């Protein structure tokens, strides 16, 4: 089954939200629709970048998972930008 990931740049947290709750919330949102393979949080160029890797049958389903993760994140933090990518061999390509 193809592997996809959503990468989301996180802005300000909503009032009362702890930083350590954002990534588990993203992962749980993806897990409602598919199998989550991994998740990671990093600081890149001064911005928080969260990544959730998951499986999906096709790009349509991958985008659906991505939109669900973004919607769940909006309850906890401001998503500044996001992108769903698909792994093909050793590279990641944007899904459109």
C-alpha atoms as a PDB file:
ATOM      1  CA  UNK A   1       0.000   0.000   0.000  1.00  0.00           C
ATOM      2  CA  UNK A   2       1.406   3.448  -0.872  1.00  0.00           C
ATOM      3  CA  UNK A   3       2.941   5.602   1.844  1.00  0.00           C
ATOM      4  CA  UNK A   4       1.993   9.264   2.230  1.00  0.00           C
ATOM      5  CA  UNK A   5       2.730  12.000   4.712  1.00  0.00           C
ATOM      6  CA  UNK A   6       1.262  15.303   5.713  1.00  0.00           C
ATOM      7  CA  UNK A   7       3.716  17.994   6.708  1.00  0.00           C
ATOM      8  CA  UNK A   8       2.247  20.938   8.552  1.00  0.00           C
ATOM      9  CA  UNK A   9       3.903  24.152   9.725  1.00  0.00           C
ATOM     10  CA  UNK A  10       2.382  25.081  13.080  1.00  0.00           C
ATOM     11  CA  UNK A  11       1.835  28.663  14.165  1.00  0.00           C
ATOM     12  CA  UNK A  12       0.403  29.948  17.433  1.00  0.00           C
ATOM     13  CA  UNK A  13      -1.257  27.564  19.853  1.00  0.00           C
ATOM     14  CA  UNK A  14      -4.864  28.123  20.859  1.00  0.00           C
ATOM     15  CA  UNK A  15      -5.380  29.398  24.436  1.00  0.00           C
ATOM     16  CA  UNK A  16      -4.999  26.620  26.994  1.00  0.00           C
ATOM     17  CA  UNK A  17      -3.394  24.166  24.561  1.00  0.00           C
ATOM     18  CA  UNK A  18      -0.109  22.575  25.577  1.00  0.00           C
ATOM     19  CA  UNK A  19       2.553  22.080  22.900  1.00  0.00           C
ATOM     20  CA  UNK A  20       2.817  18.359  23.639  1.00  0.00           C
ATOM     21  CA  UNK A  21      -0.845  17.772  22.697  1.00  0.00           C
ATOM     22  CA  UNK A  22      -0.628  18.937  19.077  1.00  0.00           C
ATOM     23  CA  UNK A  23       1.211  16.001  17.458  1.00  0.00           C
ATOM     24  CA  UNK A  24      -0.824  13.295  19.271  1.00  0.00           C
ATOM     25  CA  UNK A  25      -3.999  15.074  18.123  1.00  0.00           C
ATOM     26  CA  UNK A  26      -2.771  15.077  14.533  1.00  0.00           C
ATOM     27  CA  UNK A  27      -1.846  11.405  14.736  1.00  0.00           C
ATOM     28  CA  UNK A  28      -5.213  10.465  16.237  1.00  0.00           C
ATOM     29  CA  UNK A  29      -7.056  12.350  13.475  1.00  0.00           C
ATOM     30  CA  UNK A  30      -5.169  10.422  10.786  1.00  0.00           C
ATOM     31  CA  UNK A  31      -5.661   7.118  12.631  1.00  0.00           C
ATOM     32  CA  UNK A  32      -9.447   7.581  12.435  1.00  0.00           C
ATOM     33  CA  UNK A  33      -9.190   7.012   8.658  1.00  0.00           C
ATOM     34  CA  UNK A  34      -6.066   4.948   8.042  1.00  0.00           C
ATOM     35  CA  UNK A  35      -2.961   3.289   9.470  1.00  0.00           C
ATOM     36  CA  UNK A  36      -0.384   5.724  10.829  1.00  0.00           C
ATOM     37  CA  UNK A  37       3.201   4.625  10.189  1.00  0.00           C
ATOM     38  CA  UNK A  38       5.088   7.353  12.082  1.00  0.00           C
ATOM     39  CA  UNK A  39       4.931  10.911  13.351  1.00  0.00           C
ATOM     40  CA  UNK A  40       7.553  13.521  14.105  1.00  0.00           C
ATOM     41  CA  UNK A  41       7.898  17.080  15.321  1.00  0.00           C
ATOM     42  CA  UNK A  42      10.910  19.219  14.449  1.00  0.00           C
ATOM     43  CA  UNK A  43      11.921  22.851  14.466  1.00  0.00           C
ATOM     44  CA  UNK A  44      13.036  23.938  10.993  1.00  0.00           C
ATOM     45  CA  UNK A  45      14.151  27.508  10.314  1.00  0.00           C
ATOM     46  CA  UNK A  46      12.535  28.599  13.575  1.00  0.00           C
ATOM     47  CA  UNK A  47       9.126  27.063  12.815  1.00  0.00           C
ATOM     48  CA  UNK A  48       7.480  23.972  14.283  1.00  0.00           C
ATOM     49  CA  UNK A  49       7.037  21.349  11.575  1.00  0.00           C
ATOM     50  CA  UNK A  50       4.873  18.315  12.325  1.00  0.00           C
ATOM     51  CA  UNK A  51       4.807  15.275  10.050  1.00  0.00           C
ATOM     52  CA  UNK A  52       2.440  12.315  10.121  1.00  0.00           C
ATOM     53  CA  UNK A  53       3.202   9.402   7.798  1.00  0.00           C
ATOM     54  CA  UNK A  54       0.378   7.065   6.843  1.00  0.00           C
ATOM     55  CA  UNK A  55      -0.858   4.571   4.265  1.00  0.00           C
ATOM     56  CA  UNK A  56      -3.680   5.159   1.793  1.00  0.00           C
ATOM     57  CA  UNK A  57      -5.045   3.347  -1.251  1.00  0.00           C
ATOM     58  CA  UNK A  58      -4.793   6.393  -3.524  1.00  0.00           C
ATOM     59  CA  UNK A  59      -4.119  10.119  -3.641  1.00  0.00           C
ATOM     60  CA  UNK A  60      -7.785  10.986  -3.122  1.00  0.00           C
ATOM     61  CA  UNK A  61      -7.814   9.169   0.201  1.00  0.00           C
ATOM     62  CA  UNK A  62      -4.446  10.685   1.127  1.00  0.00           C
ATOM     63  CA  UNK A  63      -5.823  14.188   0.594  1.00  0.00           C
ATOM     64  CA  UNK A  64      -8.881  13.308   2.677  1.00  0.00           C
ATOM     65  CA  UNK A  65      -6.609  12.207   5.531  1.00  0.00           C
ATOM     66  CA  UNK A  66      -4.579  15.399   5.112  1.00  0.00           C
ATOM     67  CA  UNK A  67      -7.676  17.604   5.333  1.00  0.00           C
ATOM     68  CA  UNK A  68      -8.842  15.755   8.447  1.00  0.00           C
ATOM     69  CA  UNK A  69      -5.460  16.254  10.118  1.00  0.00           C
ATOM     70  CA  UNK A  70      -5.523  19.975   9.293  1.00  0.00           C
ATOM     71  CA  UNK A  71      -9.062  20.316  10.654  1.00  0.00           C
ATOM     72  CA  UNK A  72      -8.084  18.567  13.893  1.00  0.00           C
ATOM     73  CA  UNK A  73      -4.999  20.755  14.212  1.00  0.00           C
ATOM     74  CA  UNK A  74      -7.054  23.936  13.838  1.00  0.00           C
ATOM     75  CA  UNK A  75      -8.712  23.136  17.167  1.00  0.00           C
ATOM     76  CA  UNK A  76      -5.301  23.208  18.893  1.00  0.00           C
ATOM     77  CA  UNK A  77      -3.088  25.484  16.833  1.00  0.00           C
ATOM     78  CA  UNK A  78      -2.889  27.683  13.776  1.00  0.00           C
ATOM     79  CA  UNK A  79      -1.805  25.668  10.711  1.00  0.00           C
ATOM     80  CA  UNK A  80       0.325  28.072   8.650  1.00  0.00           C
ATOM     81  CA  UNK A  81       0.834  25.763   5.673  1.00  0.00           C
ATOM     82  CA  UNK A  82       0.529  22.087   4.849  1.00  0.00           C
ATOM     83  CA  UNK A  83       1.306  19.609   2.109  1.00  0.00           C
ATOM     84  CA  UNK A  84       0.539  15.959   1.433  1.00  0.00           C
ATOM     85  CA  UNK A  85       3.309  14.015  -0.281  1.00  0.00           C
ATOM     86  CA  UNK A  86       3.603  10.463  -1.628  1.00  0.00           C
ATOM     87  CA  UNK A  87       6.650   8.258  -1.347  1.00  0.00           C
ATOM     88  CA  UNK A  88       7.823   6.808  -4.643  1.00  0.00           C
ATOM     89  CA  UNK A  89      10.935   4.688  -4.149  1.00  0.00           C
ATOM     90  CA  UNK A  90      13.237   6.897  -2.043  1.00  0.00           C
ATOM     91  CA  UNK A  91      11.638  10.290  -2.820  1.00  0.00           C
ATOM     92  CA  UNK A  92       8.599  12.245  -1.684  1.00  0.00           C
ATOM     93  CA  UNK A  93       6.417  13.920  -4.334  1.00  0.00           C
ATOM     94  CA  UNK A  94       3.592  16.454  -3.779  1.00  0.00           C
ATOM     95  CA  UNK A  95       0.060  15.103  -4.137  1.00  0.00           C
ATOM     96  CA  UNK A  96      -2.319  17.303  -6.132  1.00  0.00           C
END
